[in-house]
Amino acid sequence: MQLNDQKRAQILHKYKEMFDILEQYDKTREWPIGRARIDVTLDKKSIKKLKMLKERTGKPISRLIEEAVGNL
């Protein structure tokens, strides 16, 4: 099945994010999606606040941090 240039451009535009992810994988051999574990040092006051938020919302601390960073 051959695609004309217009159809090819439509596909590239529609799935641009996926093609960018695949291009990044080709360059680094690491998936830019998913989760990774890191160690972070926080003061005790911040940890206490995060634990209180965790209890109040029912969300894991990692999710709370991701949401906070995503809003920057």
C-alpha atoms as a PDB file:
ATOM      1  CA  MET A   1       0.000   0.000   0.000  1.00  0.00           C
ATOM      2  CA  GLN A   2       1.509   3.276  -1.075  1.00  0.00           C
ATOM      3  CA  LEU A   3       0.670   6.581   0.566  1.00  0.00           C
ATOM      4  CA  ASN A   4       0.614   9.888  -1.227  1.00  0.00           C
ATOM      5  CA  ASP A   5       2.441  12.870   0.255  1.00  0.00           C
ATOM      6  CA  GLN A   6      -0.719  14.446   1.656  1.00  0.00           C
ATOM      7  CA  LYS A   7      -1.787  11.282   3.504  1.00  0.00           C
ATOM      8  CA  ARG A   8       1.772  10.805   4.803  1.00  0.00           C
ATOM      9  CA  ALA A   9       1.796  14.390   6.134  1.00  0.00           C
ATOM     10  CA  GLN A  10      -1.571  13.835   7.846  1.00  0.00           C
ATOM     11  CA  ILE A  11      -0.265  10.720   9.598  1.00  0.00           C
ATOM     12  CA  LEU A  12       2.927  12.481  10.689  1.00  0.00           C
ATOM     13  CA  HIS A  13       0.914  15.398  12.059  1.00  0.00           C
ATOM     14  CA  LYS A  14      -1.651  13.211  13.815  1.00  0.00           C
ATOM     15  CA  TYR A  15       0.953  11.001  15.538  1.00  0.00           C
ATOM     16  CA  LYS A  16       3.710  13.603  15.978  1.00  0.00           C
ATOM     17  CA  GLU A  17       4.111  12.950  19.702  1.00  0.00           C
ATOM     18  CA  MET A  18       4.542   9.201  19.151  1.00  0.00           C
ATOM     19  CA  PHE A  19       7.081   9.747  16.370  1.00  0.00           C
ATOM     20  CA  ASP A  20       9.007  12.128  18.662  1.00  0.00           C
ATOM     21  CA  ILE A  21       9.053   9.466  21.399  1.00  0.00           C
ATOM     22  CA  LEU A  22      10.330   6.855  18.949  1.00  0.00           C
ATOM     23  CA  GLU A  23      12.991   9.260  17.656  1.00  0.00           C
ATOM     24  CA  GLN A  24      14.147   9.922  21.234  1.00  0.00           C
ATOM     25  CA  TYR A  25      14.338   6.164  21.839  1.00  0.00           C
ATOM     26  CA  ASP A  26      16.426   5.693  18.691  1.00  0.00           C
ATOM     27  CA  LYS A  27      18.902   8.305  19.948  1.00  0.00           C
ATOM     28  CA  THR A  28      19.160   7.200  23.594  1.00  0.00           C
ATOM     29  CA  ARG A  29      17.896   3.595  23.684  1.00  0.00           C
ATOM     30  CA  GLU A  30      15.772   4.629  26.707  1.00  0.00           C
ATOM     31  CA  TRP A  31      12.015   5.070  26.725  1.00  0.00           C
ATOM     32  CA  PRO A  32      11.153   8.661  27.662  1.00  0.00           C
ATOM     33  CA  ILE A  33       7.867   7.457  29.124  1.00  0.00           C
ATOM     34  CA  GLY A  34       7.213   5.506  32.271  1.00  0.00           C
ATOM     35  CA  ARG A  35       8.532   5.929  35.759  1.00  0.00           C
ATOM     36  CA  ALA A  36      11.971   5.847  37.384  1.00  0.00           C
ATOM     37  CA  ARG A  37      13.040   5.686  41.019  1.00  0.00           C
ATOM     38  CA  ILE A  38      15.201   8.471  42.478  1.00  0.00           C
ATOM     39  CA  ASP A  39      16.425   9.418  45.944  1.00  0.00           C
ATOM     40  CA  VAL A  40      15.549  12.891  47.173  1.00  0.00           C
ATOM     41  CA  THR A  41      16.545  14.572  50.429  1.00  0.00           C
ATOM     42  CA  LEU A  42      13.814  16.692  52.014  1.00  0.00           C
ATOM     43  CA  ASP A  43      13.587  18.454  55.341  1.00  0.00           C
ATOM     44  CA  LYS A  44      11.438  16.829  58.022  1.00  0.00           C
ATOM     45  CA  LYS A  45       8.797  19.541  57.801  1.00  0.00           C
ATOM     46  CA  SER A  46       8.249  18.859  54.086  1.00  0.00           C
ATOM     47  CA  ILE A  47       8.080  15.119  54.663  1.00  0.00           C
ATOM     48  CA  LYS A  48       5.472  15.617  57.374  1.00  0.00           C
ATOM     49  CA  LYS A  49       3.375  17.801  55.049  1.00  0.00           C
ATOM     50  CA  LEU A  50       3.617  15.230  52.268  1.00  0.00           C
ATOM     51  CA  LYS A  51       2.532  12.446  54.620  1.00  0.00           C
ATOM     52  CA  MET A  52      -0.453  14.524  55.778  1.00  0.00           C
ATOM     53  CA  LEU A  53      -1.439  15.201  52.157  1.00  0.00           C
ATOM     54  CA  LYS A  54      -1.061  11.501  51.410  1.00  0.00           C
ATOM     55  CA  GLU A  55      -3.465  10.605  54.223  1.00  0.00           C
ATOM     56  CA  ARG A  56      -5.945  13.319  53.232  1.00  0.00           C
ATOM     57  CA  THR A  57      -5.986  12.591  49.490  1.00  0.00           C
ATOM     58  CA  GLY A  58      -5.184   8.879  49.426  1.00  0.00           C
ATOM     59  CA  LYS A  59      -2.583   9.489  46.717  1.00  0.00           C
ATOM     60  CA  PRO A  60       0.998   8.207  46.966  1.00  0.00           C
ATOM     61  CA  ILE A  61       3.654  10.802  47.773  1.00  0.00           C
ATOM     62  CA  SER A  62       5.283  10.290  44.377  1.00  0.00           C
ATOM     63  CA  ARG A  63       2.010  11.182  42.634  1.00  0.00           C
ATOM     64  CA  LEU A  64       1.650  14.326  44.784  1.00  0.00           C
ATOM     65  CA  ILE A  65       5.161  15.425  43.793  1.00  0.00           C
ATOM     66  CA  GLU A  66       4.511  14.682  40.103  1.00  0.00           C
ATOM     67  CA  GLU A  67       1.340  16.782  40.183  1.00  0.00           C
ATOM     68  CA  ALA A  68       3.136  19.661  41.914  1.00  0.00           C
ATOM     69  CA  VAL A  69       6.024  19.597  39.431  1.00  0.00           C
ATOM     70  CA  GLY A  70       3.622  19.280  36.513  1.00  0.00           C
ATOM     71  CA  ASN A  71       1.969  22.544  37.573  1.00  0.00           C
ATOM     72  CA  LEU A  72       5.230  24.524  37.408  1.00  0.00           C
END
